[in-house]
Amino acid sequence: MLVFLYPLMQLSRDTVLSSFTVSGRITRVVMVLMLVAFSLSSVAAQDSDDADDAVAIFNEAQTLHENGKLAEAIVLYEKAINALPEFPEAEYQRASALQSLGKNDEAEKGFRRAVELKPDWTLAMTGLGSLLVKRGNFSEAEPILIKALETEPQNPTALTALVELRLMTKASKLFFKIF
């Protein structure tokens, strides 16, 4: 905070006194606007740096994930999410790795967060819907999988999960004709 105030501490006595006159008020407003603009540009630069860091961490996690080092990948996905809380790709990949490790409660939360952050992303919808089918939560899984198929009709994973759901619930043959 002191860094932002430093330019103000360098003002001369005449500059400070002139800020109390009518023309000085304009000077004061301009100085405040400059200070706000400088502060906002610093925040924007920090956000950009955080996003770049999060993407770099995510890419490193992806490499670990691809090499089967799931626990290590999860740690890095979480680090990326901490750096950039609205990072649906990291949420999805973390959930996928958690599911592979059998940590389905945590995986479900991650898939839900990914869908929340990116509601029309069929990959996240399919991940959540498929997990819900495996957990026997058919009534919640069905509309999610149907939405995924409405968004992306040729989504084989969503279609497979929906067929599995219908088989497990002994749906009538009429339901299978819909898709």
N, C-alpha and C. Protein backbone atom coordinates (compact mmCIF):
# COMPACT_ATOMS: atom_id res chain seq x y z
N MET A 1 0.83 -1.19 0.00
CA MET A 1 0.00 0.00 0.00
C MET A 1 0.87 1.25 0.00
N LEU A 2 1.96 1.22 0.71
CA LEU A 2 2.86 2.36 0.78
C LEU A 2 3.41 2.69 -0.61
N VAL A 3 3.58 1.67 -1.45
CA VAL A 3 4.10 1.89 -2.80
C VAL A 3 3.16 2.79 -3.58
N PHE A 4 1.86 2.62 -3.40
CA PHE A 4 0.89 3.44 -4.12
C PHE A 4 0.89 4.88 -3.62
N LEU A 5 1.20 5.10 -2.34
CA LEU A 5 1.19 6.44 -1.76
C LEU A 5 2.50 7.18 -1.96
N TYR A 6 3.55 6.51 -2.34
CA TYR A 6 4.86 7.12 -2.47
C TYR A 6 4.86 8.36 -3.37
N PRO A 7 4.21 8.35 -4.54
CA PRO A 7 4.21 9.56 -5.38
C PRO A 7 3.58 10.74 -4.66
N LEU A 8 2.59 10.48 -3.79
CA LEU A 8 1.95 11.57 -3.07
C LEU A 8 2.89 12.16 -2.02
N MET A 9 3.78 11.36 -1.45
CA MET A 9 4.70 11.84 -0.42
C MET A 9 5.76 12.75 -1.02
N GLN A 10 5.96 12.72 -2.32
CA GLN A 10 6.99 13.51 -2.98
C GLN A 10 6.49 14.90 -3.40
N LEU A 11 5.25 15.24 -3.06
CA LEU A 11 4.69 16.53 -3.46
C LEU A 11 5.32 17.66 -2.65
N SER A 12 5.48 18.80 -3.30
CA SER A 12 6.04 19.96 -2.59
C SER A 12 4.96 20.63 -1.75
N ARG A 13 5.40 21.54 -0.85
CA ARG A 13 4.47 22.26 0.03
C ARG A 13 3.51 23.10 -0.79
N ASP A 14 4.01 23.75 -1.84
CA ASP A 14 3.15 24.59 -2.69
C ASP A 14 2.09 23.77 -3.41
N THR A 15 2.46 22.57 -3.84
CA THR A 15 1.50 21.70 -4.53
C THR A 15 0.39 21.29 -3.57
N VAL A 16 0.77 20.96 -2.33
CA VAL A 16 -0.23 20.56 -1.34
C VAL A 16 -1.14 21.73 -1.01
N LEU A 17 -0.59 22.93 -0.80
CA LEU A 17 -1.41 24.09 -0.48
C LEU A 17 -2.30 24.48 -1.65
N SER A 18 -1.81 24.35 -2.86
CA SER A 18 -2.62 24.72 -4.02
C SER A 18 -3.79 23.77 -4.21
N SER A 19 -3.74 22.61 -3.62
CA SER A 19 -4.84 21.66 -3.77
C SER A 19 -6.07 22.11 -3.01
N PHE A 20 -5.94 23.14 -2.16
CA PHE A 20 -7.09 23.63 -1.41
C PHE A 20 -7.78 24.80 -2.12
N THR A 21 -7.26 25.26 -3.21
CA THR A 21 -7.92 26.30 -4.01
C THR A 21 -8.84 25.64 -5.01
N VAL A 22 -9.64 26.44 -5.74
CA VAL A 22 -10.57 25.89 -6.73
C VAL A 22 -9.80 25.12 -7.80
N SER A 23 -8.75 25.73 -8.34
CA SER A 23 -7.98 25.01 -9.35
C SER A 23 -7.24 23.83 -8.72
N GLY A 24 -6.97 23.98 -7.43
CA GLY A 24 -6.30 22.89 -6.72
C GLY A 24 -7.19 21.67 -6.57
N ARG A 25 -8.50 21.91 -6.51
CA ARG A 25 -9.43 20.78 -6.42
C ARG A 25 -9.35 19.93 -7.69
N ILE A 26 -9.21 20.59 -8.81
CA ILE A 26 -9.08 19.86 -10.07
C ILE A 26 -7.80 19.04 -10.04
N THR A 27 -6.73 19.67 -9.55
CA THR A 27 -5.46 18.96 -9.43
C THR A 27 -5.62 17.74 -8.53
N ARG A 28 -6.33 17.94 -7.41
CA ARG A 28 -6.57 16.85 -6.47
C ARG A 28 -7.35 15.71 -7.12
N VAL A 29 -8.37 16.04 -7.89
CA VAL A 29 -9.18 15.02 -8.57
C VAL A 29 -8.32 14.27 -9.58
N VAL A 30 -7.51 15.01 -10.34
CA VAL A 30 -6.63 14.37 -11.33
C VAL A 30 -5.65 13.43 -10.63
N MET A 31 -5.09 13.89 -9.51
CA MET A 31 -4.13 13.05 -8.78
C MET A 31 -4.81 11.77 -8.27
N VAL A 32 -6.01 11.90 -7.74
CA VAL A 32 -6.74 10.74 -7.24
C VAL A 32 -7.04 9.78 -8.39
N LEU A 33 -7.47 10.33 -9.52
CA LEU A 33 -7.75 9.48 -10.69
C LEU A 33 -6.50 8.76 -11.16
N MET A 34 -5.37 9.46 -11.15
CA MET A 34 -4.11 8.83 -11.55
C MET A 34 -3.74 7.70 -10.58
N LEU A 35 -3.94 7.95 -9.30
CA LEU A 35 -3.64 6.94 -8.29
C LEU A 35 -4.53 5.72 -8.48
N VAL A 36 -5.83 5.94 -8.72
CA VAL A 36 -6.76 4.83 -8.94
C VAL A 36 -6.37 4.06 -10.20
N ALA A 37 -6.05 4.79 -11.28
CA ALA A 37 -5.67 4.12 -12.53
C ALA A 37 -4.40 3.29 -12.34
N PHE A 38 -3.44 3.84 -11.62
CA PHE A 38 -2.21 3.11 -11.36
C PHE A 38 -2.48 1.86 -10.53
N SER A 39 -3.34 1.99 -9.53
CA SER A 39 -3.69 0.85 -8.68
C SER A 39 -4.39 -0.24 -9.49
N LEU A 40 -5.33 0.17 -10.34
CA LEU A 40 -6.07 -0.81 -11.15
C LEU A 40 -5.15 -1.51 -12.15
N SER A 41 -4.20 -0.76 -12.73
CA SER A 41 -3.30 -1.41 -13.68
C SER A 41 -2.40 -2.41 -12.98
N SER A 42 -2.03 -2.14 -11.75
CA SER A 42 -1.23 -3.09 -10.98
C SER A 42 -2.02 -4.35 -10.68
N VAL A 43 -3.30 -4.18 -10.33
CA VAL A 43 -4.17 -5.33 -10.05
C VAL A 43 -4.37 -6.15 -11.32
N ALA A 44 -4.61 -5.50 -12.45
CA ALA A 44 -4.80 -6.21 -13.72
C ALA A 44 -3.55 -6.99 -14.11
N ALA A 45 -2.39 -6.37 -13.91
CA ALA A 45 -1.14 -7.06 -14.22
C ALA A 45 -0.96 -8.28 -13.32
N GLN A 46 -1.34 -8.14 -12.05
CA GLN A 46 -1.23 -9.26 -11.11
C GLN A 46 -2.17 -10.39 -11.53
N ASP A 47 -3.42 -10.04 -11.93
CA ASP A 47 -4.38 -11.05 -12.39
C ASP A 47 -3.84 -11.79 -13.59
N SER A 48 -3.22 -11.07 -14.52
CA SER A 48 -2.66 -11.69 -15.72
C SER A 48 -1.52 -12.63 -15.34
N ASP A 49 -0.68 -12.21 -14.41
CA ASP A 49 0.42 -13.06 -13.94
C ASP A 49 -0.12 -14.31 -13.26
N ASP A 50 -1.19 -14.16 -12.44
CA ASP A 50 -1.79 -15.31 -11.77
C ASP A 50 -2.34 -16.30 -12.79
N ALA A 51 -2.99 -15.79 -13.83
CA ALA A 51 -3.54 -16.66 -14.87
C ALA A 51 -2.43 -17.40 -15.60
N ASP A 52 -1.36 -16.68 -15.93
CA ASP A 52 -0.22 -17.32 -16.60
C ASP A 52 0.39 -18.41 -15.72
N ASP A 53 0.55 -18.11 -14.44
CA ASP A 53 1.09 -19.09 -13.50
C ASP A 53 0.18 -20.31 -13.41
N ALA A 54 -1.12 -20.06 -13.33
CA ALA A 54 -2.08 -21.16 -13.21
C ALA A 54 -2.04 -22.06 -14.44
N VAL A 55 -1.94 -21.48 -15.60
CA VAL A 55 -1.87 -22.27 -16.84
C VAL A 55 -0.58 -23.08 -16.89
N ALA A 56 0.52 -22.50 -16.49
CA ALA A 56 1.79 -23.23 -16.46
C ALA A 56 1.72 -24.41 -15.50
N ILE A 57 1.13 -24.18 -14.33
CA ILE A 57 0.98 -25.25 -13.34
C ILE A 57 0.04 -26.33 -13.89
N PHE A 58 -1.04 -25.90 -14.52
CA PHE A 58 -2.00 -26.83 -15.11
C PHE A 58 -1.32 -27.72 -16.16
N ASN A 59 -0.51 -27.11 -17.01
CA ASN A 59 0.19 -27.89 -18.05
C ASN A 59 1.13 -28.93 -17.44
N GLU A 60 1.78 -28.55 -16.36
CA GLU A 60 2.66 -29.50 -15.66
C GLU A 60 1.83 -30.64 -15.05
N ALA A 61 0.68 -30.30 -14.52
CA ALA A 61 -0.22 -31.32 -13.95
C ALA A 61 -0.71 -32.27 -15.04
N GLN A 62 -1.00 -31.72 -16.21
CA GLN A 62 -1.46 -32.54 -17.33
C GLN A 62 -0.41 -33.59 -17.70
N THR A 63 0.84 -33.18 -17.71
CA THR A 63 1.93 -34.11 -18.03
C THR A 63 1.97 -35.24 -17.00
N LEU A 64 1.88 -34.89 -15.73
CA LEU A 64 1.87 -35.91 -14.67
C LEU A 64 0.66 -36.83 -14.82
N HIS A 65 -0.49 -36.24 -15.12
CA HIS A 65 -1.73 -37.00 -15.28
C HIS A 65 -1.58 -38.00 -16.43
N GLU A 66 -1.05 -37.55 -17.55
CA GLU A 66 -0.84 -38.42 -18.71
C GLU A 66 0.11 -39.56 -18.41
N ASN A 67 1.05 -39.32 -17.50
CA ASN A 67 2.03 -40.35 -17.13
C ASN A 67 1.57 -41.21 -15.96
N GLY A 68 0.30 -41.07 -15.57
CA GLY A 68 -0.26 -41.91 -14.52
C GLY A 68 0.10 -41.49 -13.11
N LYS A 69 0.71 -40.36 -12.94
CA LYS A 69 1.07 -39.88 -11.61
C LYS A 69 -0.09 -39.01 -11.08
N LEU A 70 -1.18 -39.68 -10.78
CA LEU A 70 -2.43 -38.98 -10.48
C LEU A 70 -2.38 -38.16 -9.19
N ALA A 71 -1.83 -38.71 -8.13
CA ALA A 71 -1.77 -37.98 -6.86
C ALA A 71 -0.96 -36.70 -7.01
N GLU A 72 0.16 -36.79 -7.72
CA GLU A 72 0.98 -35.60 -7.94
C GLU A 72 0.26 -34.60 -8.83
N ALA A 73 -0.45 -35.10 -9.82
CA ALA A 73 -1.20 -34.22 -10.72
C ALA A 73 -2.29 -33.48 -9.95
N ILE A 74 -2.97 -34.18 -9.05
CA ILE A 74 -4.04 -33.56 -8.26
C ILE A 74 -3.50 -32.39 -7.44
N VAL A 75 -2.32 -32.58 -6.86
CA VAL A 75 -1.71 -31.50 -6.06
C VAL A 75 -1.50 -30.27 -6.94
N LEU A 76 -1.01 -30.48 -8.15
CA LEU A 76 -0.77 -29.35 -9.04
C LEU A 76 -2.07 -28.75 -9.57
N TYR A 77 -3.07 -29.58 -9.85
CA TYR A 77 -4.37 -29.03 -10.28
C TYR A 77 -4.93 -28.12 -9.18
N GLU A 78 -4.79 -28.57 -7.93
CA GLU A 78 -5.28 -27.76 -6.81
C GLU A 78 -4.50 -26.45 -6.69
N LYS A 79 -3.21 -26.52 -6.95
CA LYS A 79 -2.39 -25.30 -6.92
C LYS A 79 -2.83 -24.34 -8.03
N ALA A 80 -3.13 -24.88 -9.21
CA ALA A 80 -3.60 -24.04 -10.31
C ALA A 80 -4.95 -23.41 -9.97
N ILE A 81 -5.83 -24.18 -9.34
CA ILE A 81 -7.14 -23.67 -8.95
C ILE A 81 -7.00 -22.59 -7.88
N ASN A 82 -6.07 -22.76 -6.97
CA ASN A 82 -5.83 -21.73 -5.96
C ASN A 82 -5.33 -20.43 -6.59
N ALA A 83 -4.51 -20.56 -7.63
CA ALA A 83 -4.00 -19.38 -8.31
C ALA A 83 -5.07 -18.72 -9.17
N LEU A 84 -5.99 -19.53 -9.71
CA LEU A 84 -7.04 -19.03 -10.59
C LEU A 84 -8.33 -19.79 -10.26
N PRO A 85 -9.09 -19.29 -9.27
CA PRO A 85 -10.25 -20.04 -8.76
C PRO A 85 -11.32 -20.39 -9.81
N GLU A 86 -11.44 -19.61 -10.85
CA GLU A 86 -12.43 -19.90 -11.88
C GLU A 86 -11.74 -20.53 -13.08
N PHE A 87 -11.26 -21.75 -12.90
CA PHE A 87 -10.48 -22.47 -13.91
C PHE A 87 -11.17 -23.83 -14.13
N PRO A 88 -12.23 -23.86 -14.97
CA PRO A 88 -13.01 -25.09 -15.12
C PRO A 88 -12.22 -26.28 -15.66
N GLU A 89 -11.24 -26.03 -16.51
CA GLU A 89 -10.44 -27.13 -17.05
C GLU A 89 -9.64 -27.82 -15.95
N ALA A 90 -9.10 -27.04 -15.04
CA ALA A 90 -8.36 -27.62 -13.91
C ALA A 90 -9.30 -28.37 -12.98
N GLU A 91 -10.49 -27.82 -12.76
CA GLU A 91 -11.49 -28.50 -11.92
C GLU A 91 -11.86 -29.85 -12.54
N TYR A 92 -12.08 -29.84 -13.86
CA TYR A 92 -12.47 -31.08 -14.55
C TYR A 92 -11.35 -32.13 -14.48
N GLN A 93 -10.13 -31.72 -14.79
CA GLN A 93 -9.02 -32.68 -14.79
C GLN A 93 -8.74 -33.21 -13.39
N ARG A 94 -8.86 -32.35 -12.40
CA ARG A 94 -8.68 -32.78 -11.01
C ARG A 94 -9.75 -33.82 -10.67
N ALA A 95 -10.99 -33.54 -11.04
CA ALA A 95 -12.09 -34.47 -10.78
C ALA A 95 -11.87 -35.80 -11.49
N SER A 96 -11.40 -35.74 -12.70
CA SER A 96 -11.11 -36.95 -13.47
C SER A 96 -10.05 -37.81 -12.78
N ALA A 97 -9.00 -37.16 -12.32
CA ALA A 97 -7.93 -37.89 -11.61
C ALA A 97 -8.45 -38.46 -10.29
N LEU A 98 -9.25 -37.67 -9.58
CA LEU A 98 -9.82 -38.16 -8.32
C LEU A 98 -10.71 -39.38 -8.56
N GLN A 99 -11.49 -39.33 -9.63
CA GLN A 99 -12.36 -40.46 -9.96
C GLN A 99 -11.53 -41.71 -10.26
N SER A 100 -10.43 -41.52 -10.96
CA SER A 100 -9.55 -42.66 -11.27
C SER A 100 -8.97 -43.28 -10.01
N LEU A 101 -8.81 -42.48 -8.98
CA LEU A 101 -8.30 -42.98 -7.70
C LEU A 101 -9.41 -43.50 -6.78
N GLY A 102 -10.65 -43.46 -7.29
CA GLY A 102 -11.78 -43.95 -6.50
C GLY A 102 -12.30 -42.97 -5.47
N LYS A 103 -11.89 -41.73 -5.56
CA LYS A 103 -12.35 -40.70 -4.62
C LYS A 103 -13.55 -39.98 -5.24
N ASN A 104 -14.66 -40.72 -5.28
CA ASN A 104 -15.82 -40.25 -6.03
C ASN A 104 -16.54 -39.05 -5.42
N ASP A 105 -16.55 -38.93 -4.09
CA ASP A 105 -17.19 -37.77 -3.47
C ASP A 105 -16.49 -36.49 -3.90
N GLU A 106 -15.17 -36.50 -3.82
CA GLU A 106 -14.39 -35.32 -4.22
C GLU A 106 -14.49 -35.09 -5.73
N ALA A 107 -14.50 -36.18 -6.49
CA ALA A 107 -14.60 -36.06 -7.95
C ALA A 107 -15.93 -35.41 -8.33
N GLU A 108 -17.00 -35.83 -7.67
CA GLU A 108 -18.32 -35.26 -7.97
C GLU A 108 -18.32 -33.75 -7.72
N LYS A 109 -17.74 -33.34 -6.61
CA LYS A 109 -17.66 -31.90 -6.31
C LYS A 109 -16.90 -31.16 -7.41
N GLY A 110 -15.80 -31.75 -7.88
CA GLY A 110 -15.02 -31.12 -8.94
C GLY A 110 -15.76 -31.02 -10.25
N PHE A 111 -16.46 -32.10 -10.63
CA PHE A 111 -17.25 -32.06 -11.86
C PHE A 111 -18.36 -31.02 -11.75
N ARG A 112 -18.99 -30.96 -10.59
CA ARG A 112 -20.05 -29.96 -10.38
C ARG A 112 -19.50 -28.54 -10.51
N ARG A 113 -18.33 -28.33 -9.95
CA ARG A 113 -17.72 -26.99 -10.02
C ARG A 113 -17.37 -26.64 -11.47
N ALA A 114 -16.86 -27.60 -12.22
CA ALA A 114 -16.54 -27.37 -13.64
C ALA A 114 -17.79 -27.01 -14.42
N VAL A 115 -18.89 -27.72 -14.17
CA VAL A 115 -20.16 -27.43 -14.85
C VAL A 115 -20.68 -26.06 -14.42
N GLU A 116 -20.52 -25.74 -13.15
CA GLU A 116 -20.95 -24.43 -12.64
C GLU A 116 -20.19 -23.30 -13.34
N LEU A 117 -18.89 -23.49 -13.52
CA LEU A 117 -18.06 -22.45 -14.13
C LEU A 117 -18.27 -22.35 -15.64
N LYS A 118 -18.61 -23.48 -16.27
CA LYS A 118 -18.76 -23.50 -17.73
C LYS A 118 -19.98 -24.38 -18.06
N PRO A 119 -21.19 -23.81 -17.90
CA PRO A 119 -22.42 -24.60 -17.95
C PRO A 119 -22.69 -25.35 -19.26
N ASP A 120 -22.19 -24.90 -20.38
CA ASP A 120 -22.46 -25.57 -21.65
C ASP A 120 -21.30 -26.46 -22.11
N TRP A 121 -20.38 -26.76 -21.23
CA TRP A 121 -19.23 -27.59 -21.57
C TRP A 121 -19.64 -29.06 -21.44
N THR A 122 -19.79 -29.70 -22.58
CA THR A 122 -20.31 -31.08 -22.59
C THR A 122 -19.36 -32.07 -21.93
N LEU A 123 -18.08 -31.83 -21.99
CA LEU A 123 -17.13 -32.75 -21.36
C LEU A 123 -17.36 -32.80 -19.85
N ALA A 124 -17.55 -31.64 -19.24
CA ALA A 124 -17.81 -31.59 -17.79
C ALA A 124 -19.18 -32.18 -17.46
N MET A 125 -20.19 -31.87 -18.28
CA MET A 125 -21.52 -32.45 -18.06
C MET A 125 -21.47 -33.97 -18.15
N THR A 126 -20.76 -34.47 -19.15
CA THR A 126 -20.66 -35.91 -19.35
C THR A 126 -19.92 -36.57 -18.20
N GLY A 127 -18.84 -35.94 -17.73
CA GLY A 127 -18.11 -36.48 -16.58
C GLY A 127 -18.99 -36.58 -15.35
N LEU A 128 -19.74 -35.51 -15.08
CA LEU A 128 -20.64 -35.51 -13.93
C LEU A 128 -21.75 -36.54 -14.12
N GLY A 129 -22.39 -36.52 -15.29
CA GLY A 129 -23.49 -37.46 -15.53
C GLY A 129 -23.04 -38.91 -15.45
N SER A 130 -21.90 -39.23 -16.02
CA SER A 130 -21.38 -40.60 -15.98
C SER A 130 -21.09 -41.04 -14.55
N LEU A 131 -20.50 -40.15 -13.77
CA LEU A 131 -20.22 -40.49 -12.37
C LEU A 131 -21.52 -40.70 -11.60
N LEU A 132 -22.50 -39.86 -11.85
CA LEU A 132 -23.79 -40.02 -11.17
C LEU A 132 -24.45 -41.35 -11.53
N VAL A 133 -24.31 -41.78 -12.79
CA VAL A 133 -24.85 -43.09 -13.18
C VAL A 133 -24.13 -44.18 -12.40
N LYS A 134 -22.82 -44.13 -12.33
CA LYS A 134 -22.04 -45.14 -11.60
C LYS A 134 -22.41 -45.17 -10.12
N ARG A 135 -22.81 -44.02 -9.59
CA ARG A 135 -23.17 -43.94 -8.17
C ARG A 135 -24.65 -44.27 -7.94
N GLY A 136 -25.39 -44.54 -9.04
CA GLY A 136 -26.80 -44.90 -8.91
C GLY A 136 -27.74 -43.74 -8.75
N ASN A 137 -27.26 -42.54 -9.00
CA ASN A 137 -28.10 -41.34 -8.90
C ASN A 137 -28.69 -41.04 -10.27
N PHE A 138 -29.58 -41.92 -10.71
CA PHE A 138 -30.11 -41.88 -12.06
C PHE A 138 -30.97 -40.64 -12.35
N SER A 139 -31.81 -40.25 -11.37
CA SER A 139 -32.72 -39.14 -11.61
C SER A 139 -31.98 -37.82 -11.82
N GLU A 140 -30.84 -37.68 -11.20
CA GLU A 140 -30.05 -36.46 -11.41
C GLU A 140 -29.17 -36.58 -12.66
N ALA A 141 -28.69 -37.77 -12.94
CA ALA A 141 -27.80 -37.97 -14.08
C ALA A 141 -28.51 -37.77 -15.41
N GLU A 142 -29.74 -38.25 -15.51
CA GLU A 142 -30.45 -38.24 -16.79
C GLU A 142 -30.56 -36.85 -17.43
N PRO A 143 -31.06 -35.83 -16.72
CA PRO A 143 -31.17 -34.52 -17.38
C PRO A 143 -29.81 -33.92 -17.76
N ILE A 144 -28.80 -34.23 -16.99
CA ILE A 144 -27.45 -33.73 -17.30
C ILE A 144 -26.95 -34.37 -18.59
N LEU A 145 -27.14 -35.67 -18.72
CA LEU A 145 -26.69 -36.37 -19.93
C LEU A 145 -27.52 -35.97 -21.15
N ILE A 146 -28.81 -35.77 -20.95
CA ILE A 146 -29.65 -35.32 -22.06
C ILE A 146 -29.22 -33.93 -22.52
N LYS A 147 -28.92 -33.05 -21.58
CA LYS A 147 -28.44 -31.71 -21.96
C LYS A 147 -27.13 -31.81 -22.73
N ALA A 148 -26.24 -32.69 -22.28
CA ALA A 148 -24.96 -32.87 -22.99
C ALA A 148 -25.22 -33.33 -24.42
N LEU A 149 -26.18 -34.23 -24.60
CA LEU A 149 -26.49 -34.73 -25.95
C LEU A 149 -27.24 -33.71 -26.79
N GLU A 150 -28.03 -32.87 -26.16
CA GLU A 150 -28.70 -31.79 -26.91
C GLU A 150 -27.67 -30.78 -27.40
N THR A 151 -26.67 -30.54 -26.58
CA THR A 151 -25.61 -29.60 -26.93
C THR A 151 -24.66 -30.20 -27.96
N GLU A 152 -24.34 -31.47 -27.79
CA GLU A 152 -23.42 -32.17 -28.68
C GLU A 152 -24.01 -33.55 -29.00
N PRO A 153 -24.86 -33.63 -30.02
CA PRO A 153 -25.58 -34.88 -30.31
C PRO A 153 -24.69 -36.09 -30.59
N GLN A 154 -23.49 -35.89 -31.04
CA GLN A 154 -22.61 -37.02 -31.38
C GLN A 154 -21.62 -37.34 -30.25
N ASN A 155 -21.96 -37.00 -29.02
CA ASN A 155 -21.10 -37.25 -27.86
C ASN A 155 -21.23 -38.72 -27.46
N PRO A 156 -20.25 -39.55 -27.84
CA PRO A 156 -20.39 -40.99 -27.58
C PRO A 156 -20.36 -41.34 -26.09
N THR A 157 -19.62 -40.60 -25.30
CA THR A 157 -19.53 -40.91 -23.87
C THR A 157 -20.85 -40.61 -23.18
N ALA A 158 -21.46 -39.48 -23.52
CA ALA A 158 -22.76 -39.13 -22.93
C ALA A 158 -23.83 -40.12 -23.38
N LEU A 159 -23.79 -40.50 -24.65
CA LEU A 159 -24.76 -41.47 -25.17
C LEU A 159 -24.60 -42.82 -24.47
N THR A 160 -23.37 -43.26 -24.31
CA THR A 160 -23.11 -44.54 -23.63
C THR A 160 -23.61 -44.50 -22.19
N ALA A 161 -23.34 -43.39 -21.50
CA ALA A 161 -23.78 -43.27 -20.10
C ALA A 161 -25.31 -43.24 -20.02
N LEU A 162 -25.96 -42.58 -20.97
CA LEU A 162 -27.42 -42.53 -20.96
C LEU A 162 -28.02 -43.91 -21.25
N VAL A 163 -27.44 -44.63 -22.20
CA VAL A 163 -27.90 -45.99 -22.49
C VAL A 163 -27.71 -46.88 -21.26
N GLU A 164 -26.56 -46.76 -20.61
CA GLU A 164 -26.30 -47.53 -19.39
C GLU A 164 -27.34 -47.20 -18.33
N LEU A 165 -27.63 -45.93 -18.18
CA LEU A 165 -28.64 -45.49 -17.21
C LEU A 165 -29.99 -46.13 -17.54
N ARG A 166 -30.36 -46.09 -18.80
CA ARG A 166 -31.66 -46.63 -19.20
C ARG A 166 -31.70 -48.15 -19.01
N LEU A 167 -30.62 -48.82 -19.27
CA LEU A 167 -30.57 -50.27 -19.04
C LEU A 167 -30.69 -50.59 -17.55
N MET A 168 -30.01 -49.81 -16.73
CA MET A 168 -30.02 -50.05 -15.29
C MET A 168 -31.39 -49.74 -14.68
N THR A 169 -32.12 -48.83 -15.28
CA THR A 169 -33.44 -48.49 -14.76
C THR A 169 -34.54 -49.26 -15.48
N LYS A 170 -34.12 -50.17 -16.36
CA LYS A 170 -35.06 -51.00 -17.11
C LYS A 170 -36.09 -50.15 -17.84
N ALA A 171 -35.59 -49.14 -18.51
CA ALA A 171 -36.46 -48.24 -19.26
C ALA A 171 -37.13 -49.00 -20.40
N SER A 172 -38.27 -48.53 -20.79
CA SER A 172 -39.00 -49.18 -21.89
C SER A 172 -38.26 -48.98 -23.20
N LYS A 173 -38.60 -49.81 -24.19
CA LYS A 173 -37.98 -49.72 -25.51
C LYS A 173 -38.25 -48.36 -26.15
N LEU A 174 -39.33 -47.72 -25.76
CA LEU A 174 -39.67 -46.39 -26.30
C LEU A 174 -38.55 -45.39 -26.00
N PHE A 175 -37.97 -45.46 -24.79
CA PHE A 175 -36.90 -44.54 -24.42
C PHE A 175 -35.69 -44.72 -25.32
N PHE A 176 -35.38 -45.93 -25.72
CA PHE A 176 -34.21 -46.17 -26.56
C PHE A 176 -34.41 -45.65 -27.97
N LYS A 177 -35.65 -45.49 -28.40
CA LYS A 177 -35.92 -44.96 -29.74
C LYS A 177 -35.66 -43.45 -29.80
N ILE A 178 -35.66 -42.78 -28.66
CA ILE A 178 -35.45 -41.33 -28.63
C ILE A 178 -34.05 -41.00 -29.13
N PHE A 179 -33.08 -41.81 -28.78
CA PHE A 179 -31.70 -41.53 -29.18
C PHE A 179 -31.27 -42.58 -30.13
